[in-house]
PDB file of N, CA and C in Angstrom:
ATOM      1  N   MET A   1       0.836  -1.194   0.000  1.00  0.00           N
ATOM      2  CA  MET A   1       0.000   0.000   0.000  1.00  0.00           C
ATOM      3  C   MET A   1       0.874   1.248   0.000  1.00  0.00           C
ATOM      4  N   LYS A   2       0.475   2.218  -0.803  1.00  0.00           N
ATOM      5  CA  LYS A   2       1.138   3.515  -0.834  1.00  0.00           C
ATOM      6  C   LYS A   2       0.308   4.494  -0.013  1.00  0.00           C
ATOM      7  N   HIS A   3       0.982   5.330   0.740  1.00  0.00           N
ATOM      8  CA  HIS A   3       0.296   6.362   1.508  1.00  0.00           C
ATOM      9  C   HIS A   3       0.462   7.700   0.803  1.00  0.00           C
ATOM     10  N   CYS A   4      -0.603   8.448   0.719  1.00  0.00           N
ATOM     11  CA  CYS A   4      -0.561   9.786   0.152  1.00  0.00           C
ATOM     12  C   CYS A   4       0.131  10.708   1.162  1.00  0.00           C
ATOM     13  N   LEU A   5       1.109  11.481   0.702  1.00  0.00           N
ATOM     14  CA  LEU A   5       1.824  12.385   1.602  1.00  0.00           C
ATOM     15  C   LEU A   5       0.977  13.590   1.998  1.00  0.00           C
ATOM     16  N   TYR A   6      -0.061  13.873   1.236  1.00  0.00           N
ATOM     17  CA  TYR A   6      -0.901  15.036   1.510  1.00  0.00           C
ATOM     18  C   TYR A   6      -2.029  14.710   2.483  1.00  0.00           C
ATOM     19  N   CYS A   7      -2.795  13.644   2.209  1.00  0.00           N
ATOM     20  CA  CYS A   7      -3.969  13.348   3.045  1.00  0.00           C
ATOM     21  C   CYS A   7      -3.834  12.055   3.848  1.00  0.00           C
ATOM     22  N   GLN A   8      -2.719  11.321   3.679  1.00  0.00           N
ATOM     23  CA  GLN A   8      -2.421  10.087   4.417  1.00  0.00           C
ATOM     24  C   GLN A   8      -3.380   8.939   4.128  1.00  0.00           C
ATOM     25  N   THR A   9      -4.062   8.970   2.991  1.00  0.00           N
ATOM     26  CA  THR A   9      -4.962   7.898   2.596  1.00  0.00           C
ATOM     27  C   THR A   9      -4.152   6.751   1.998  1.00  0.00           C
ATOM     28  N   GLU A  10      -4.527   5.503   2.319  1.00  0.00           N
ATOM     29  CA  GLU A  10      -3.863   4.342   1.741  1.00  0.00           C
ATOM     30  C   GLU A  10      -4.414   4.090   0.345  1.00  0.00           C
ATOM     31  N   ASN A  11      -3.513   3.820  -0.610  1.00  0.00           N
ATOM     32  CA  ASN A  11      -3.882   3.572  -1.993  1.00  0.00           C
ATOM     33  C   ASN A  11      -3.242   2.282  -2.463  1.00  0.00           C
ATOM     34  N   ASP A  12      -3.731   1.749  -3.571  1.00  0.00           N
ATOM     35  CA  ASP A  12      -3.151   0.544  -4.158  1.00  0.00           C
ATOM     36  C   ASP A  12      -1.731   0.823  -4.641  1.00  0.00           C
ATOM     37  N   GLU A  13      -0.917  -0.232  -4.736  1.00  0.00           N
ATOM     38  CA  GLU A  13       0.464  -0.102  -5.212  1.00  0.00           C
ATOM     39  C   GLU A  13       0.531   0.387  -6.653  1.00  0.00           C
ATOM     40  N   GLN A  14      -0.429   0.008  -7.496  1.00  0.00           N
ATOM     41  CA  GLN A  14      -0.404   0.372  -8.909  1.00  0.00           C
ATOM     42  C   GLN A  14      -0.928   1.777  -9.166  1.00  0.00           C
ATOM     43  N   ALA A  15      -1.580   2.382  -8.196  1.00  0.00           N
ATOM     44  CA  ALA A  15      -2.184   3.708  -8.392  1.00  0.00           C
ATOM     45  C   ALA A  15      -1.112   4.775  -8.553  1.00  0.00           C
ATOM     46  N   GLU A  16      -1.365   5.728  -9.445  1.00  0.00           N
ATOM     47  CA  GLU A  16      -0.453   6.842  -9.650  1.00  0.00           C
ATOM     48  C   GLU A  16      -0.938   8.099  -8.937  1.00  0.00           C
ATOM     49  N   ASN A  17      -2.269   8.204  -8.740  1.00  0.00           N
ATOM     50  CA  ASN A  17      -2.861   9.345  -8.049  1.00  0.00           C
ATOM     51  C   ASN A  17      -3.667   8.859  -6.856  1.00  0.00           C
ATOM     52  N   CYS A  18      -3.774   9.705  -5.849  1.00  0.00           N
ATOM     53  CA  CYS A  18      -4.538   9.368  -4.642  1.00  0.00           C
ATOM     54  C   CYS A  18      -6.024   9.273  -4.979  1.00  0.00           C
ATOM     55  N   LYS A  19      -6.678   8.242  -4.447  1.00  0.00           N
ATOM     56  CA  LYS A  19      -8.111   8.084  -4.709  1.00  0.00           C
ATOM     57  C   LYS A  19      -8.958   9.093  -3.938  1.00  0.00           C
ATOM     58  N   HIS A  20      -8.388   9.716  -2.899  1.00  0.00           N
ATOM     59  CA  HIS A  20      -9.145  10.658  -2.083  1.00  0.00           C
ATOM     60  C   HIS A  20      -8.958  12.109  -2.544  1.00  0.00           C
ATOM     61  N   CYS A  21      -7.695  12.534  -2.707  1.00  0.00           N
ATOM     62  CA  CYS A  21      -7.442  13.943  -3.015  1.00  0.00           C
ATOM     63  C   CYS A  21      -6.930  14.184  -4.439  1.00  0.00           C
ATOM     64  N   GLY A  22      -6.487  13.126  -5.133  1.00  0.00           N
ATOM     65  CA  GLY A  22      -6.038  13.262  -6.508  1.00  0.00           C
ATOM     66  C   GLY A  22      -4.576  13.664  -6.681  1.00  0.00           C
ATOM     67  N   MET A  23      -3.842  13.816  -5.589  1.00  0.00           N
ATOM     68  CA  MET A  23      -2.417  14.182  -5.675  1.00  0.00           C
ATOM     69  C   MET A  23      -1.605  13.012  -6.237  1.00  0.00           C
ATOM     70  N   ASN A  24      -0.475  13.327  -6.890  1.00  0.00           N
ATOM     71  CA  ASN A  24       0.418  12.282  -7.370  1.00  0.00           C
ATOM     72  C   ASN A  24       1.025  11.547  -6.182  1.00  0.00           C
ATOM     73  N   LEU A  25       1.109  10.222  -6.301  1.00  0.00           N
ATOM     74  CA  LEU A  25       1.700   9.424  -5.232  1.00  0.00           C
ATOM     75  C   LEU A  25       3.198   9.294  -5.455  1.00  0.00           C
ATOM     76  N   PRO A  26       3.975   9.331  -4.381  1.00  0.00           N
ATOM     77  CA  PRO A  26       5.433   9.223  -4.535  1.00  0.00           C
ATOM     78  C   PRO A  26       5.839   7.799  -4.903  1.00  0.00           C
ATOM     79  N   THR A  27       6.974   7.678  -5.617  1.00  0.00           N
ATOM     80  CA  THR A  27       7.484   6.346  -5.931  1.00  0.00           C
ATOM     81  C   THR A  27       8.133   5.736  -4.706  1.00  0.00           C
ATOM     82  N   LYS A  28       8.716   6.589  -3.851  1.00  0.00           N
ATOM     83  CA  LYS A  28       9.246   6.119  -2.571  1.00  0.00           C
ATOM     84  C   LYS A  28       8.966   7.192  -1.529  1.00  0.00           C
ATOM     85  N   HIS A  29       8.778   6.788  -0.302  1.00  0.00           N
ATOM     86  CA  HIS A  29       8.441   7.709   0.768  1.00  0.00           C
ATOM     87  C   HIS A  29       9.701   8.422   1.248  1.00  0.00           C
ATOM     88  N   PRO A  30       9.653   9.742   1.467  1.00  0.00           N
ATOM     89  CA  PRO A  30      10.856  10.478   1.878  1.00  0.00           C
ATOM     90  C   PRO A  30      11.368  10.080   3.266  1.00  0.00           C
ATOM     91  N   GLN A  31      10.528   9.512   4.103  1.00  0.00           N
ATOM     92  CA  GLN A  31      10.954   9.087   5.431  1.00  0.00           C
ATOM     93  C   GLN A  31      11.321   7.607   5.467  1.00  0.00           C
ATOM     94  N   ASP A  32      11.593   7.037   4.321  1.00  0.00           N
ATOM     95  CA  ASP A  32      11.962   5.636   4.205  1.00  0.00           C
ATOM     96  C   ASP A  32      13.286   5.375   4.914  1.00  0.00           C
ATOM     97  N   ARG A  33      13.418   4.221   5.555  1.00  0.00           N
ATOM     98  CA  ARG A  33      14.639   3.870   6.292  1.00  0.00           C
ATOM     99  C   ARG A  33      15.855   3.854   5.365  1.00  0.00           C
ATOM    100  N   LYS A  34      15.682   3.362   4.160  1.00  0.00           N
ATOM    101  CA  LYS A  34      16.789   3.278   3.213  1.00  0.00           C
ATOM    102  C   LYS A  34      17.296   4.674   2.844  1.00  0.00           C
ATOM    103  N   THR A  35      16.409   5.633   2.704  1.00  0.00           N
ATOM    104  CA  THR A  35      16.784   7.002   2.384  1.00  0.00           C
ATOM    105  C   THR A  35      17.568   7.624   3.536  1.00  0.00           C
ATOM    106  N   LYS A  36      17.098   7.410   4.763  1.00  0.00           N
ATOM    107  CA  LYS A  36      17.787   7.944   5.928  1.00  0.00           C
ATOM    108  C   LYS A  36      19.177   7.326   6.074  1.00  0.00           C
ATOM    109  N   LEU A  37      19.288   6.024   5.866  1.00  0.00           N
ATOM    110  CA  LEU A  37      20.565   5.342   5.990  1.00  0.00           C
ATOM    111  C   LEU A  37      21.540   5.834   4.923  1.00  0.00           C
ATOM    112  N   SER A  38      21.067   6.036   3.719  1.00  0.00           N
ATOM    113  CA  SER A  38      21.908   6.532   2.637  1.00  0.00           C
ATOM    114  C   SER A  38      22.448   7.919   2.976  1.00  0.00           C
ATOM    115  N   PHE A  39      21.624   8.790   3.506  1.00  0.00           N
ATOM    116  CA  PHE A  39      22.061  10.128   3.898  1.00  0.00           C
ATOM    117  C   PHE A  39      23.098  10.045   5.003  1.00  0.00           C
ATOM    118  N   PHE A  40      22.867   9.190   5.987  1.00  0.00           N
ATOM    119  CA  PHE A  40      23.803   9.040   7.104  1.00  0.00           C
ATOM    120  C   PHE A  40      25.166   8.569   6.613  1.00  0.00           C
ATOM    121  N   VAL A  41      25.195   7.581   5.726  1.00  0.00           N
ATOM    122  CA  VAL A  41      26.464   7.040   5.215  1.00  0.00           C
ATOM    123  C   VAL A  41      27.232   8.120   4.457  1.00  0.00           C
ATOM    124  N   LYS A  42      26.549   8.883   3.619  1.00  0.00           N
ATOM    125  CA  LYS A  42      27.213   9.960   2.876  1.00  0.00           C
ATOM    126  C   LYS A  42      27.756  11.030   3.818  1.00  0.00           C
ATOM    127  N   ALA A  43      26.970  11.428   4.807  1.00  0.00           N
ATOM    128  CA  ALA A  43      27.416  12.440   5.770  1.00  0.00           C
ATOM    129  C   ALA A  43      28.592  11.924   6.591  1.00  0.00           C
ATOM    130  N   PHE A  44      28.568  10.661   6.991  1.00  0.00           N
ATOM    131  CA  PHE A  44      29.643  10.062   7.770  1.00  0.00           C
ATOM    132  C   PHE A  44      30.955  10.109   6.998  1.00  0.00           C
ATOM    133  N   TRP A  45      30.939   9.675   5.735  1.00  0.00           N
ATOM    134  CA  TRP A  45      32.170   9.655   4.945  1.00  0.00           C
ATOM    135  C   TRP A  45      32.658  11.060   4.630  1.00  0.00           C
ATOM    136  N   LEU A  46      31.760  11.996   4.454  1.00  0.00           N
ATOM    137  CA  LEU A  46      32.160  13.382   4.238  1.00  0.00           C
ATOM    138  C   LEU A  46      32.893  13.923   5.462  1.00  0.00           C
ATOM    139  N   ILE A  47      32.400  13.634   6.646  1.00  0.00           N
ATOM    140  CA  ILE A  47      33.043  14.083   7.889  1.00  0.00           C
ATOM    141  C   ILE A  47      34.390  13.400   8.072  1.00  0.00           C
ATOM    142  N   VAL A  48      34.481  12.109   7.766  1.00  0.00           N
ATOM    143  CA  VAL A  48      35.749  11.380   7.891  1.00  0.00           C
ATOM    144  C   VAL A  48      36.793  11.976   6.954  1.00  0.00           C
ATOM    145  N   ILE A  49      36.436  12.209   5.703  1.00  0.00           N
ATOM    146  CA  ILE A  49      37.380  12.768   4.735  1.00  0.00           C
ATOM    147  C   ILE A  49      37.809  14.174   5.150  1.00  0.00           C
ATOM    148  N   PHE A  50      36.868  14.982   5.575  1.00  0.00           N
ATOM    149  CA  PHE A  50      37.184  16.337   6.028  1.00  0.00           C
ATOM    150  C   PHE A  50      38.140  16.292   7.216  1.00  0.00           C
ATOM    151  N   SER A  51      37.894  15.417   8.163  1.00  0.00           N
ATOM    152  CA  SER A  51      38.752  15.295   9.347  1.00  0.00           C
ATOM    153  C   SER A  51      40.163  14.871   8.965  1.00  0.00           C
ATOM    154  N   LEU A  52      40.290  13.907   8.061  1.00  0.00           N
ATOM    155  CA  LEU A  52      41.618  13.467   7.625  1.00  0.00           C
ATOM    156  C   LEU A  52      42.376  14.586   6.921  1.00  0.00           C
ATOM    157  N   ILE A  53      41.686  15.336   6.093  1.00  0.00           N
ATOM    158  CA  ILE A  53      42.329  16.456   5.404  1.00  0.00           C
ATOM    159  C   ILE A  53      42.792  17.501   6.410  1.00  0.00           C
ATOM    160  N   MET A  54      41.979  17.791   7.408  1.00  0.00           N
ATOM    161  CA  MET A  54      42.351  18.778   8.409  1.00  0.00           C
ATOM    162  C   MET A  54      43.521  18.291   9.270  1.00  0.00           C
ATOM    163  N   VAL A  55      43.592  17.008   9.570  1.00  0.00           N
ATOM    164  CA  VAL A  55      44.708  16.465  10.345  1.00  0.00           C
ATOM    165  C   VAL A  55      45.999  16.626   9.566  1.00  0.00           C
ATOM    166  N   ILE A  56      45.956  16.382   8.275  1.00  0.00           N
ATOM    167  CA  ILE A  56      47.152  16.488   7.442  1.00  0.00           C
ATOM    168  C   ILE A  56      47.495  17.947   7.149  1.00  0.00           C
ATOM    169  N   TYR A  57      46.504  18.761   6.885  1.00  0.00           N
ATOM    170  CA  TYR A  57      46.713  20.132   6.433  1.00  0.00           C
ATOM    171  C   TYR A  57      47.112  21.092   7.552  1.00  0.00           C
ATOM    172  N   LEU A  58      46.467  21.012   8.697  1.00  0.00           N
ATOM    173  CA  LEU A  58      46.707  21.988   9.766  1.00  0.00           C
ATOM    174  C   LEU A  58      48.093  21.781  10.377  1.00  0.00           C
ATOM    175  N   PRO A  59      48.767  22.881  10.694  1.00  0.00           N
ATOM    176  CA  PRO A  59      50.091  22.757  11.322  1.00  0.00           C
ATOM    177  C   PRO A  59      49.968  22.227  12.749  1.00  0.00           C
ATOM    178  N   ARG A  60      51.017  21.615  13.200  1.00  0.00           N
ATOM    179  CA  ARG A  60      50.982  21.028  14.557  1.00  0.00           C
ATOM    180  C   ARG A  60      51.641  21.922  15.545  1.00  0.00           C
TER     181      ARG A  60
END
Protein backbone atom coordinates (compact mmCIF):
# COMPACT_ATOMS: atom_id res chain seq x y z
CA MET A 1 0.00 0.00 0.00
CA LYS A 2 1.14 3.52 -0.83
CA HIS A 3 0.30 6.36 1.51
CA CYS A 4 -0.56 9.79 0.15
CA LEU A 5 1.82 12.39 1.60
CA TYR A 6 -0.90 15.04 1.51
CA CYS A 7 -3.97 13.35 3.05
CA GLN A 8 -2.42 10.09 4.42
CA THR A 9 -4.96 7.90 2.60
CA GLU A 10 -3.86 4.34 1.74
CA ASN A 11 -3.88 3.57 -1.99
CA ASP A 12 -3.15 0.54 -4.16
CA GLU A 13 0.46 -0.10 -5.21
CA GLN A 14 -0.40 0.37 -8.91
CA ALA A 15 -2.18 3.71 -8.39
CA GLU A 16 -0.45 6.84 -9.65
CA ASN A 17 -2.86 9.34 -8.05
CA CYS A 18 -4.54 9.37 -4.64
CA LYS A 19 -8.11 8.08 -4.71
CA HIS A 20 -9.15 10.66 -2.08
CA CYS A 21 -7.44 13.94 -3.02
CA GLY A 22 -6.04 13.26 -6.51
CA MET A 23 -2.42 14.18 -5.67
CA ASN A 24 0.42 12.28 -7.37
CA LEU A 25 1.70 9.42 -5.23
CA PRO A 26 5.43 9.22 -4.54
CA THR A 27 7.48 6.35 -5.93
CA LYS A 28 9.25 6.12 -2.57
CA HIS A 29 8.44 7.71 0.77
CA PRO A 30 10.86 10.48 1.88
CA GLN A 31 10.95 9.09 5.43
CA ASP A 32 11.96 5.64 4.21
CA ARG A 33 14.64 3.87 6.29
CA LYS A 34 16.79 3.28 3.21
CA THR A 35 16.78 7.00 2.38
CA LYS A 36 17.79 7.94 5.93
CA LEU A 37 20.57 5.34 5.99
CA SER A 38 21.91 6.53 2.64
CA PHE A 39 22.06 10.13 3.90
CA PHE A 40 23.80 9.04 7.10
CA VAL A 41 26.46 7.04 5.21
CA LYS A 42 27.21 9.96 2.88
CA ALA A 43 27.42 12.44 5.77
CA PHE A 44 29.64 10.06 7.77
CA TRP A 45 32.17 9.66 4.94
CA LEU A 46 32.16 13.38 4.24
CA ILE A 47 33.04 14.08 7.89
CA VAL A 48 35.75 11.38 7.89
CA ILE A 49 37.38 12.77 4.73
CA PHE A 50 37.18 16.34 6.03
CA SER A 51 38.75 15.30 9.35
CA LEU A 52 41.62 13.47 7.62
CA ILE A 53 42.33 16.46 5.40
CA MET A 54 42.35 18.78 8.41
CA VAL A 55 44.71 16.47 10.35
CA ILE A 56 47.15 16.49 7.44
CA TYR A 57 46.71 20.13 6.43
CA LEU A 58 46.71 21.99 9.77
CA PRO A 59 50.09 22.76 11.32
CA ARG A 60 50.98 21.03 14.56
